[in-house]
N, C-alpha and C. Protein backbone atom coordinates (compact mmCIF):
# COMPACT_ATOMS: atom_id res chain seq x y z
N MET A 1 59.79 88.13 116.56
CA MET A 1 60.55 89.05 115.72
C MET A 1 60.83 88.38 114.37
N PRO A 2 60.51 89.06 113.28
CA PRO A 2 60.78 88.45 111.97
C PRO A 2 62.27 88.44 111.68
N ASP A 3 62.64 87.75 110.64
CA ASP A 3 64.04 87.67 110.22
C ASP A 3 64.37 88.95 109.46
N ILE A 4 65.15 89.84 110.09
CA ILE A 4 65.55 91.10 109.47
C ILE A 4 67.07 91.14 109.41
N SER A 5 67.62 91.36 108.23
CA SER A 5 69.06 91.57 108.11
C SER A 5 69.27 92.89 107.39
N SER A 6 70.44 93.48 107.57
CA SER A 6 70.69 94.79 106.99
C SER A 6 72.00 94.81 106.23
N TYR A 7 72.05 95.72 105.27
CA TYR A 7 73.24 95.97 104.46
C TYR A 7 73.48 97.47 104.47
N THR A 8 74.72 97.88 104.59
CA THR A 8 75.07 99.29 104.54
C THR A 8 76.10 99.51 103.45
N GLY A 9 75.81 100.41 102.51
CA GLY A 9 76.73 100.59 101.39
C GLY A 9 76.63 101.95 100.75
N GLY A 10 77.58 102.22 99.84
CA GLY A 10 77.61 103.47 99.10
C GLY A 10 78.33 104.57 99.87
N ILE A 11 78.52 105.71 99.19
CA ILE A 11 79.32 106.78 99.78
C ILE A 11 78.67 107.42 100.99
N ALA A 12 77.35 107.25 101.15
CA ALA A 12 76.66 107.84 102.30
C ALA A 12 76.36 106.80 103.38
N ALA A 13 76.96 105.61 103.29
CA ALA A 13 76.70 104.53 104.27
C ALA A 13 75.20 104.37 104.50
N THR A 14 74.51 104.05 103.42
CA THR A 14 73.05 103.96 103.43
C THR A 14 72.60 102.54 103.77
N ASN A 15 71.60 102.45 104.63
CA ASN A 15 71.09 101.15 105.06
C ASN A 15 70.01 100.62 104.12
N ALA A 16 70.08 99.32 103.85
CA ALA A 16 68.97 98.58 103.25
C ALA A 16 68.59 97.49 104.25
N TYR A 17 67.32 97.10 104.24
CA TYR A 17 66.83 96.08 105.16
C TYR A 17 66.12 94.98 104.38
N LEU A 18 66.43 93.75 104.74
CA LEU A 18 65.82 92.59 104.12
C LEU A 18 64.95 91.88 105.15
N LEU A 19 63.66 91.76 104.85
CA LEU A 19 62.71 91.10 105.74
C LEU A 19 62.24 89.82 105.09
N ARG A 20 62.45 88.72 105.77
CA ARG A 20 61.90 87.45 105.30
C ARG A 20 60.61 87.20 106.09
N LEU A 21 59.49 87.36 105.42
CA LEU A 21 58.18 87.21 106.04
C LEU A 21 57.51 85.95 105.49
N PRO A 22 56.52 85.41 106.20
CA PRO A 22 55.85 84.19 105.71
C PRO A 22 55.28 84.36 104.30
N GLY A 23 54.83 85.58 103.97
CA GLY A 23 54.19 85.79 102.67
C GLY A 23 55.11 86.30 101.58
N GLY A 24 56.40 86.44 101.88
CA GLY A 24 57.32 86.92 100.85
C GLY A 24 58.50 87.65 101.46
N THR A 25 59.41 88.09 100.61
CA THR A 25 60.63 88.77 101.05
C THR A 25 60.60 90.21 100.57
N VAL A 26 60.88 91.12 101.51
CA VAL A 26 60.83 92.55 101.24
C VAL A 26 62.22 93.15 101.41
N LEU A 27 62.63 93.97 100.45
CA LEU A 27 63.84 94.77 100.58
C LEU A 27 63.43 96.23 100.70
N VAL A 28 63.93 96.89 101.73
CA VAL A 28 63.67 98.32 101.91
C VAL A 28 64.91 99.09 101.50
N ASP A 29 64.79 99.87 100.44
CA ASP A 29 65.84 100.70 99.86
C ASP A 29 66.93 99.88 99.18
N ALA A 30 67.64 100.54 98.26
CA ALA A 30 68.58 99.82 97.39
C ALA A 30 69.84 100.64 97.17
N PRO A 31 70.68 100.76 98.21
CA PRO A 31 71.95 101.47 98.03
C PRO A 31 72.90 100.71 97.10
N GLU A 32 73.94 101.41 96.68
CA GLU A 32 74.94 100.82 95.81
C GLU A 32 75.52 99.55 96.45
N GLY A 33 75.62 98.49 95.66
CA GLY A 33 76.20 97.23 96.13
C GLY A 33 75.23 96.25 96.73
N VAL A 34 73.96 96.64 96.88
CA VAL A 34 73.02 95.75 97.57
C VAL A 34 72.73 94.49 96.75
N ALA A 35 72.80 94.58 95.42
CA ALA A 35 72.52 93.39 94.59
C ALA A 35 73.56 92.30 94.84
N ASP A 36 74.83 92.70 94.98
CA ASP A 36 75.89 91.73 95.30
C ASP A 36 75.64 91.09 96.66
N TRP A 37 75.25 91.91 97.62
CA TRP A 37 74.96 91.41 98.97
C TRP A 37 73.79 90.41 98.95
N LEU A 38 72.76 90.71 98.15
CA LEU A 38 71.61 89.80 98.06
C LEU A 38 72.01 88.45 97.50
N ARG A 39 72.96 88.45 96.55
CA ARG A 39 73.42 87.16 96.01
C ARG A 39 74.06 86.32 97.11
N LEU A 40 74.81 86.96 97.98
CA LEU A 40 75.43 86.23 99.09
C LEU A 40 74.39 85.70 100.06
N GLN A 41 73.27 86.40 100.18
CA GLN A 41 72.19 85.94 101.07
C GLN A 41 71.42 84.76 100.48
N ASN A 42 71.61 84.55 99.17
CA ASN A 42 70.90 83.47 98.47
C ASN A 42 69.39 83.58 98.68
N VAL A 43 68.88 84.76 98.40
CA VAL A 43 67.47 85.03 98.65
C VAL A 43 66.87 85.69 97.43
N ARG A 44 65.58 85.49 97.25
CA ARG A 44 64.85 86.13 96.14
C ARG A 44 63.96 87.22 96.72
N VAL A 45 64.10 88.42 96.22
CA VAL A 45 63.30 89.55 96.70
C VAL A 45 61.99 89.62 95.91
N ASP A 46 60.88 89.70 96.63
CA ASP A 46 59.57 89.81 95.99
C ASP A 46 59.13 91.26 95.82
N VAL A 47 59.51 92.10 96.79
CA VAL A 47 59.04 93.48 96.83
C VAL A 47 60.20 94.39 97.22
N LEU A 48 60.35 95.52 96.51
CA LEU A 48 61.31 96.55 96.89
C LEU A 48 60.54 97.81 97.28
N PHE A 49 60.68 98.23 98.53
CA PHE A 49 60.12 99.48 99.00
C PHE A 49 61.20 100.56 98.92
N LEU A 50 60.88 101.70 98.36
CA LEU A 50 61.80 102.85 98.38
C LEU A 50 61.23 103.91 99.30
N THR A 51 61.99 104.25 100.34
CA THR A 51 61.52 105.27 101.28
C THR A 51 61.55 106.66 100.66
N HIS A 52 62.45 106.88 99.72
CA HIS A 52 62.51 108.09 98.90
C HIS A 52 63.54 107.83 97.80
N GLN A 53 63.66 108.74 96.86
CA GLN A 53 64.45 108.43 95.66
C GLN A 53 65.84 109.04 95.64
N HIS A 54 66.33 109.63 96.73
CA HIS A 54 67.70 110.16 96.71
C HIS A 54 68.65 109.07 96.22
N PHE A 55 69.67 109.48 95.47
CA PHE A 55 70.52 108.52 94.75
C PHE A 55 71.12 107.46 95.67
N ASP A 56 71.44 107.82 96.90
CA ASP A 56 72.10 106.85 97.77
C ASP A 56 71.17 105.72 98.19
N HIS A 57 69.86 105.92 97.99
CA HIS A 57 68.88 104.88 98.32
C HIS A 57 68.40 104.11 97.08
N THR A 58 68.81 104.57 95.89
CA THR A 58 68.25 103.99 94.66
C THR A 58 69.28 103.53 93.63
N LEU A 59 70.57 103.73 93.90
CA LEU A 59 71.58 103.34 92.90
C LEU A 59 71.53 101.85 92.56
N GLY A 60 71.09 101.02 93.49
CA GLY A 60 71.02 99.58 93.23
C GLY A 60 69.66 99.08 92.81
N ALA A 61 68.68 99.99 92.68
CA ALA A 61 67.30 99.55 92.45
C ALA A 61 67.12 98.85 91.11
N ALA A 62 67.69 99.41 90.05
CA ALA A 62 67.50 98.81 88.72
C ALA A 62 68.08 97.40 88.67
N GLU A 63 69.25 97.22 89.27
CA GLU A 63 69.88 95.90 89.26
C GLU A 63 69.06 94.89 90.06
N VAL A 64 68.55 95.32 91.19
CA VAL A 64 67.72 94.42 92.01
C VAL A 64 66.44 94.05 91.25
N LYS A 65 65.80 95.04 90.65
CA LYS A 65 64.55 94.76 89.92
C LYS A 65 64.80 93.82 88.75
N THR A 66 65.89 94.03 88.04
CA THR A 66 66.21 93.18 86.89
C THR A 66 66.49 91.75 87.33
N GLU A 67 67.29 91.60 88.38
CA GLU A 67 67.69 90.25 88.81
C GLU A 67 66.58 89.48 89.50
N HIS A 68 65.73 90.18 90.23
CA HIS A 68 64.74 89.49 91.07
C HIS A 68 63.33 89.55 90.49
N GLY A 69 63.11 90.46 89.53
CA GLY A 69 61.76 90.61 88.98
C GLY A 69 60.77 91.10 90.01
N CYS A 70 61.27 91.83 91.02
CA CYS A 70 60.41 92.26 92.12
C CYS A 70 59.59 93.48 91.73
N ARG A 71 58.50 93.69 92.44
CA ARG A 71 57.68 94.89 92.26
C ARG A 71 58.29 96.02 93.09
N VAL A 72 58.35 97.21 92.50
CA VAL A 72 58.92 98.37 93.18
C VAL A 72 57.80 99.29 93.63
N PHE A 73 57.82 99.64 94.91
CA PHE A 73 56.84 100.54 95.50
C PHE A 73 57.55 101.85 95.87
N ALA A 74 57.04 102.98 95.40
CA ALA A 74 57.61 104.28 95.73
C ALA A 74 56.51 105.33 95.69
N PHE A 75 56.76 106.45 96.33
CA PHE A 75 55.75 107.50 96.42
C PHE A 75 55.42 108.07 95.05
N ALA A 76 56.41 108.15 94.17
CA ALA A 76 56.23 108.80 92.87
C ALA A 76 57.02 108.04 91.81
N PRO A 77 56.74 108.27 90.52
CA PRO A 77 57.57 107.68 89.47
C PRO A 77 59.01 108.17 89.60
N LEU A 78 59.94 107.40 89.06
CA LEU A 78 61.36 107.79 89.09
C LEU A 78 61.54 109.17 88.48
N SER A 79 62.29 110.02 89.19
CA SER A 79 62.47 111.40 88.76
C SER A 79 63.87 111.88 89.09
N LYS A 80 64.54 112.48 88.11
CA LYS A 80 65.88 113.01 88.36
C LYS A 80 65.86 114.19 89.34
N ASP A 81 64.72 114.85 89.46
CA ASP A 81 64.61 115.90 90.47
C ASP A 81 64.63 115.30 91.87
N LEU A 82 64.06 114.12 92.02
CA LEU A 82 64.01 113.47 93.34
C LEU A 82 65.30 112.72 93.67
N THR A 83 66.00 112.19 92.66
CA THR A 83 67.21 111.41 92.95
C THR A 83 68.38 112.29 93.38
N LEU A 84 68.33 113.57 93.02
CA LEU A 84 69.41 114.53 93.32
C LEU A 84 70.71 114.20 92.59
N GLU A 85 70.66 113.33 91.59
CA GLU A 85 71.90 112.94 90.92
C GLU A 85 72.54 114.12 90.18
N ARG A 86 71.72 114.99 89.58
CA ARG A 86 72.27 116.14 88.87
C ARG A 86 72.91 117.13 89.85
N LEU A 87 72.24 117.35 90.98
CA LEU A 87 72.77 118.25 92.00
C LEU A 87 74.09 117.73 92.54
N PHE A 88 74.14 116.45 92.87
CA PHE A 88 75.36 115.87 93.42
C PHE A 88 76.49 115.90 92.39
N GLY A 89 76.16 115.60 91.14
CA GLY A 89 77.16 115.63 90.08
C GLY A 89 77.75 117.02 89.90
N ALA A 90 76.87 118.04 89.97
CA ALA A 90 77.35 119.42 89.82
C ALA A 90 78.22 119.83 91.01
N MET A 91 77.85 119.38 92.20
CA MET A 91 78.60 119.73 93.40
C MET A 91 79.98 119.08 93.43
N THR A 92 80.06 117.85 92.93
CA THR A 92 81.30 117.08 93.05
C THR A 92 82.11 117.06 91.76
N GLY A 93 81.50 117.53 90.67
CA GLY A 93 82.19 117.46 89.39
C GLY A 93 82.24 116.06 88.82
N SER A 94 81.40 115.17 89.34
CA SER A 94 81.37 113.78 88.86
C SER A 94 80.09 113.56 88.05
N SER A 95 80.06 112.48 87.32
CA SER A 95 78.84 112.15 86.58
C SER A 95 78.09 111.07 87.35
N MET A 96 77.19 111.50 88.17
CA MET A 96 76.37 110.58 88.98
C MET A 96 75.10 110.28 88.21
N GLU A 97 74.78 109.01 88.05
CA GLU A 97 73.56 108.65 87.33
C GLU A 97 72.93 107.42 87.97
N VAL A 98 71.67 107.55 88.34
CA VAL A 98 70.92 106.42 88.86
C VAL A 98 70.37 105.63 87.67
N PRO A 99 70.73 104.35 87.53
CA PRO A 99 70.17 103.55 86.44
C PRO A 99 68.64 103.54 86.50
N THR A 100 68.01 103.69 85.35
CA THR A 100 66.55 103.85 85.34
C THR A 100 65.84 102.52 85.63
N PHE A 101 64.70 102.65 86.28
CA PHE A 101 63.84 101.51 86.60
C PHE A 101 62.42 102.03 86.66
N ASP A 102 61.46 101.10 86.51
CA ASP A 102 60.04 101.47 86.61
C ASP A 102 59.55 101.27 88.03
N VAL A 103 58.73 102.19 88.49
CA VAL A 103 58.01 102.02 89.75
C VAL A 103 56.68 101.36 89.43
N ASP A 104 56.43 100.21 90.02
CA ASP A 104 55.21 99.45 89.71
C ASP A 104 54.00 99.95 90.49
N GLU A 105 54.24 100.45 91.69
CA GLU A 105 53.14 100.86 92.57
C GLU A 105 53.44 102.26 93.09
N ILE A 106 52.65 103.23 92.64
CA ILE A 106 52.79 104.61 93.09
C ILE A 106 51.99 104.77 94.40
N LEU A 107 52.64 105.31 95.42
CA LEU A 107 52.05 105.33 96.76
C LEU A 107 51.38 106.65 97.11
N GLU A 108 51.59 107.67 96.31
CA GLU A 108 50.99 108.97 96.62
C GLU A 108 49.48 108.83 96.78
N GLY A 109 48.95 109.38 97.86
CA GLY A 109 47.51 109.34 98.12
C GLY A 109 47.03 108.09 98.83
N LYS A 110 47.92 107.13 99.08
CA LYS A 110 47.52 105.89 99.76
C LYS A 110 47.97 105.92 101.22
N ASP A 111 47.14 105.34 102.08
CA ASP A 111 47.54 105.26 103.49
C ASP A 111 47.86 103.84 103.93
N SER A 112 47.64 102.87 103.03
CA SER A 112 48.06 101.49 103.33
C SER A 112 48.19 100.71 102.03
N ILE A 113 48.96 99.63 102.09
CA ILE A 113 49.14 98.73 100.94
C ILE A 113 49.20 97.30 101.45
N GLU A 114 48.98 96.36 100.55
CA GLU A 114 49.18 94.94 100.84
C GLU A 114 50.43 94.50 100.09
N ALA A 115 51.37 93.90 100.80
CA ALA A 115 52.59 93.42 100.16
C ALA A 115 53.20 92.32 101.02
N ALA A 116 53.69 91.27 100.36
CA ALA A 116 54.32 90.12 101.03
C ALA A 116 53.40 89.54 102.11
N GLY A 117 52.12 89.51 101.82
CA GLY A 117 51.16 88.89 102.73
C GLY A 117 50.85 89.71 103.97
N GLU A 118 51.26 90.99 103.98
CA GLU A 118 51.05 91.84 105.15
C GLU A 118 50.39 93.16 104.74
N THR A 119 49.73 93.78 105.70
CA THR A 119 49.21 95.13 105.51
C THR A 119 50.21 96.12 106.09
N TRP A 120 50.61 97.07 105.28
CA TRP A 120 51.58 98.10 105.68
C TRP A 120 50.88 99.45 105.71
N ARG A 121 51.01 100.14 106.83
CA ARG A 121 50.55 101.52 106.91
C ARG A 121 51.61 102.44 106.30
N LEU A 122 51.16 103.49 105.63
CA LEU A 122 52.07 104.43 104.98
C LEU A 122 51.92 105.80 105.61
N TYR A 123 53.06 106.45 105.83
CA TYR A 123 53.05 107.82 106.35
C TYR A 123 53.93 108.68 105.44
N HIS A 124 53.30 109.60 104.74
CA HIS A 124 54.06 110.54 103.89
C HIS A 124 54.56 111.66 104.79
N VAL A 125 55.89 111.74 104.93
CA VAL A 125 56.50 112.75 105.81
C VAL A 125 57.57 113.50 105.01
N PRO A 126 57.16 114.50 104.23
CA PRO A 126 58.13 115.28 103.47
C PRO A 126 58.94 116.21 104.38
N GLY A 127 59.93 116.85 103.80
CA GLY A 127 60.77 117.75 104.57
C GLY A 127 62.24 117.46 104.31
N HIS A 128 62.59 116.17 104.35
CA HIS A 128 63.92 115.75 103.89
C HIS A 128 63.91 115.63 102.37
N SER A 129 62.88 114.98 101.87
CA SER A 129 62.63 114.86 100.44
C SER A 129 61.12 114.93 100.23
N PRO A 130 60.65 115.53 99.13
CA PRO A 130 59.20 115.64 98.93
C PRO A 130 58.48 114.30 98.89
N ASP A 131 59.22 113.23 98.55
CA ASP A 131 58.58 111.92 98.37
C ASP A 131 58.84 110.96 99.53
N SER A 132 59.33 111.46 100.66
CA SER A 132 59.65 110.55 101.78
C SER A 132 58.40 109.87 102.31
N VAL A 133 58.45 108.54 102.38
CA VAL A 133 57.33 107.77 102.91
C VAL A 133 57.88 106.72 103.87
N CYS A 134 57.19 106.55 105.00
CA CYS A 134 57.57 105.56 106.01
C CYS A 134 56.63 104.38 105.91
N PHE A 135 57.19 103.17 106.01
CA PHE A 135 56.44 101.92 105.90
C PHE A 135 56.32 101.31 107.29
N HIS A 136 55.09 101.15 107.76
CA HIS A 136 54.84 100.68 109.13
C HIS A 136 54.16 99.31 109.08
N LEU A 137 54.86 98.30 109.56
CA LEU A 137 54.27 96.97 109.71
C LEU A 137 53.67 96.90 111.11
N GLU A 138 52.42 97.30 111.18
CA GLU A 138 51.75 97.52 112.47
C GLU A 138 51.73 96.26 113.32
N SER A 139 51.50 95.12 112.68
CA SER A 139 51.36 93.87 113.43
C SER A 139 52.62 93.51 114.20
N LEU A 140 53.78 93.93 113.71
CA LEU A 140 55.05 93.60 114.35
C LEU A 140 55.76 94.83 114.94
N ARG A 141 55.08 95.98 114.88
CA ARG A 141 55.62 97.23 115.43
C ARG A 141 57.00 97.56 114.84
N LEU A 142 57.06 97.54 113.53
CA LEU A 142 58.28 97.87 112.81
C LEU A 142 58.01 99.07 111.91
N LEU A 143 58.91 100.04 111.91
CA LEU A 143 58.79 101.22 111.06
C LEU A 143 60.08 101.41 110.27
N PHE A 144 59.95 101.42 108.95
CA PHE A 144 61.10 101.67 108.07
C PHE A 144 60.95 103.10 107.57
N GLY A 145 61.77 103.99 108.12
CA GLY A 145 61.52 105.41 107.97
C GLY A 145 62.43 106.15 107.03
N GLY A 146 63.38 105.47 106.38
CA GLY A 146 64.29 106.20 105.49
C GLY A 146 65.02 107.28 106.25
N ASP A 147 65.10 108.48 105.67
CA ASP A 147 65.86 109.57 106.27
C ASP A 147 64.96 110.58 106.98
N VAL A 148 63.86 110.09 107.55
CA VAL A 148 62.94 110.97 108.29
C VAL A 148 63.39 111.10 109.74
N LEU A 149 63.51 109.97 110.43
CA LEU A 149 63.80 109.96 111.87
C LEU A 149 64.99 109.04 112.14
N PHE A 150 65.96 109.57 112.89
CA PHE A 150 67.16 108.81 113.24
C PHE A 150 67.29 108.69 114.76
N LEU A 151 68.21 107.86 115.19
CA LEU A 151 68.63 107.84 116.59
C LEU A 151 69.21 109.21 116.92
N ASP A 152 68.55 109.94 117.80
CA ASP A 152 68.99 111.28 118.22
C ASP A 152 69.06 112.29 117.09
N GLY A 153 68.30 112.07 116.00
CA GLY A 153 68.36 113.03 114.90
C GLY A 153 67.16 112.94 113.99
N VAL A 154 67.16 113.81 112.99
CA VAL A 154 66.15 113.79 111.92
C VAL A 154 66.89 114.02 110.61
N GLY A 155 66.20 113.85 109.51
CA GLY A 155 66.82 114.05 108.21
C GLY A 155 67.22 115.49 107.98
N ARG A 156 68.24 115.71 107.16
CA ARG A 156 68.62 117.07 106.81
C ARG A 156 67.58 117.65 105.88
N ALA A 157 67.43 118.96 105.93
CA ALA A 157 66.35 119.60 105.19
C ALA A 157 66.86 120.67 104.24
N ASP A 158 68.15 120.60 103.88
CA ASP A 158 68.75 121.64 103.04
C ASP A 158 68.88 121.24 101.58
N PHE A 159 68.21 120.16 101.18
CA PHE A 159 68.16 119.79 99.77
C PHE A 159 66.97 120.48 99.10
N PRO A 160 66.94 120.53 97.75
CA PRO A 160 65.78 121.11 97.07
C PRO A 160 64.48 120.44 97.53
N GLY A 161 63.49 121.25 97.82
CA GLY A 161 62.21 120.72 98.29
C GLY A 161 62.20 120.40 99.77
N GLY A 162 63.28 120.72 100.47
CA GLY A 162 63.37 120.40 101.89
C GLY A 162 62.75 121.47 102.77
N SER A 163 62.32 121.06 103.97
CA SER A 163 61.75 121.99 104.94
C SER A 163 61.84 121.37 106.32
N MET A 164 62.63 121.96 107.21
CA MET A 164 62.74 121.41 108.56
C MET A 164 61.42 121.54 109.31
N ARG A 165 60.72 122.65 109.11
CA ARG A 165 59.43 122.81 109.78
C ARG A 165 58.45 121.71 109.37
N GLN A 166 58.40 121.43 108.07
CA GLN A 166 57.52 120.39 107.55
C GLN A 166 57.93 119.01 108.08
N LEU A 167 59.23 118.77 108.12
CA LEU A 167 59.74 117.48 108.59
C LEU A 167 59.38 117.25 110.05
N ILE A 168 59.66 118.23 110.91
CA ILE A 168 59.40 118.07 112.34
C ILE A 168 57.90 117.91 112.60
N SER A 169 57.08 118.72 111.94
CA SER A 169 55.63 118.61 112.18
C SER A 169 55.11 117.26 111.69
N GLY A 170 55.64 116.75 110.58
CA GLY A 170 55.22 115.44 110.09
C GLY A 170 55.58 114.33 111.05
N ILE A 171 56.80 114.39 111.61
CA ILE A 171 57.22 113.39 112.60
C ILE A 171 56.31 113.44 113.82
N GLN A 172 56.06 114.66 114.30
CA GLN A 172 55.26 114.80 115.52
C GLN A 172 53.82 114.35 115.32
N GLU A 173 53.26 114.65 114.14
CA GLU A 173 51.86 114.33 113.90
C GLU A 173 51.63 112.87 113.51
N LYS A 174 52.59 112.29 112.76
CA LYS A 174 52.34 110.97 112.18
C LYS A 174 53.11 109.83 112.85
N LEU A 175 54.32 110.10 113.33
CA LEU A 175 55.15 109.01 113.86
C LEU A 175 55.14 108.93 115.38
N LEU A 176 55.21 110.06 116.06
CA LEU A 176 55.30 110.01 117.52
C LEU A 176 54.06 109.43 118.20
N PRO A 177 52.87 109.47 117.58
CA PRO A 177 51.73 108.80 118.20
C PRO A 177 51.81 107.27 118.18
N LEU A 178 52.75 106.69 117.44
CA LEU A 178 52.87 105.23 117.38
C LEU A 178 53.31 104.69 118.74
N PRO A 179 53.06 103.41 119.01
CA PRO A 179 53.44 102.85 120.32
C PRO A 179 54.93 103.00 120.60
N ASP A 180 55.25 103.22 121.87
CA ASP A 180 56.64 103.42 122.29
C ASP A 180 57.57 102.31 121.80
N ALA A 181 57.09 101.08 121.80
CA ALA A 181 57.94 99.93 121.47
C ALA A 181 58.18 99.77 119.97
N THR A 182 57.57 100.62 119.15
CA THR A 182 57.76 100.52 117.70
C THR A 182 59.23 100.71 117.35
N GLN A 183 59.82 99.71 116.71
CA GLN A 183 61.22 99.80 116.30
C GLN A 183 61.34 100.61 115.02
N VAL A 184 62.28 101.54 115.01
CA VAL A 184 62.50 102.41 113.86
C VAL A 184 63.81 102.01 113.19
N PHE A 185 63.72 101.63 111.92
CA PHE A 185 64.90 101.26 111.14
C PHE A 185 65.17 102.39 110.14
N PRO A 186 66.20 103.20 110.38
CA PRO A 186 66.44 104.40 109.57
C PRO A 186 67.35 104.13 108.37
N GLY A 187 67.43 105.13 107.50
CA GLY A 187 68.26 105.03 106.31
C GLY A 187 69.74 105.12 106.57
N HIS A 188 70.13 105.62 107.74
CA HIS A 188 71.54 105.71 108.12
C HIS A 188 71.63 105.50 109.62
N GLY A 189 72.68 104.85 110.06
CA GLY A 189 72.92 104.70 111.49
C GLY A 189 72.12 103.56 112.11
N ASP A 190 72.09 103.56 113.44
CA ASP A 190 71.50 102.46 114.20
C ASP A 190 69.99 102.60 114.34
N ASP A 191 69.34 101.47 114.60
CA ASP A 191 67.89 101.49 114.83
C ASP A 191 67.60 102.06 116.22
N THR A 192 66.34 102.42 116.42
CA THR A 192 65.92 103.03 117.67
C THR A 192 64.45 102.67 117.90
N THR A 193 63.80 103.35 118.82
CA THR A 193 62.37 103.13 119.04
C THR A 193 61.66 104.48 119.09
N ILE A 194 60.38 104.44 118.81
CA ILE A 194 59.58 105.66 118.89
C ILE A 194 59.63 106.23 120.31
N GLY A 195 59.51 105.38 121.31
CA GLY A 195 59.52 105.87 122.69
C GLY A 195 60.79 106.59 123.04
N ARG A 196 61.93 106.05 122.62
CA ARG A 196 63.20 106.68 122.93
C ARG A 196 63.31 108.04 122.25
N GLU A 197 62.93 108.11 120.98
CA GLU A 197 63.07 109.37 120.26
C GLU A 197 62.08 110.42 120.76
N ARG A 198 60.91 109.98 121.19
CA ARG A 198 59.94 110.94 121.74
C ARG A 198 60.51 111.60 123.00
N MET A 199 61.20 110.81 123.80
CA MET A 199 61.72 111.31 125.07
C MET A 199 63.06 112.03 124.95
N GLU A 200 63.93 111.57 124.04
CA GLU A 200 65.32 112.01 124.09
C GLU A 200 65.83 112.70 122.83
N ASN A 201 65.11 112.64 121.72
CA ASN A 201 65.62 113.24 120.49
C ASN A 201 65.63 114.77 120.65
N PRO A 202 66.79 115.41 120.56
CA PRO A 202 66.86 116.86 120.81
C PRO A 202 66.08 117.70 119.80
N TYR A 203 65.84 117.16 118.61
CA TYR A 203 65.09 117.90 117.59
C TYR A 203 63.59 117.91 117.84
N LEU A 204 63.14 117.03 118.72
CA LEU A 204 61.68 116.84 118.89
C LEU A 204 61.18 117.35 120.24
N GLN A 205 62.05 117.98 121.00
CA GLN A 205 61.66 118.44 122.33
C GLN A 205 61.02 119.83 122.26
């Protein structure tokens, strides 16, 4: 098992995951406050994976990229339509703004990438967000799924561009065929396994 540590922060209690691999260090998602947490870890991030661009997963991305000089991988270029910051600001009457950052590696149309000395399989599973992508480290049976699949749940589909039908079919077609022992690290809540969710997730029965 590789060295995986997690941070949970921001108003939506969003998870970030730090993987220390032989070929480099990977951060998955960048919720608010993650840059401060990384300083306490005394670690240098080589690669930042974004599972999708909703604001709760990207508020810390610019700070992490600036401090670490890491490459950012995401399905699409940074977009205010994808971050939902305008929608959230209008709903709450607050001025929500995701600090801008460049995406170095656009993942749309790719089914695998090389990063931190490993080959990662990619699964585009829209429905929660049009740009949702899951990162699968096949060699270690690890899946970083963002807000696609949760312990006993799936991502909400009532945001712009959302579709529960699309989300469920994407999970069933792309994720459930993975080995039962594949560990799933979600954007919120506790980790789980593909086998458990295939058998017990009420949304997938």
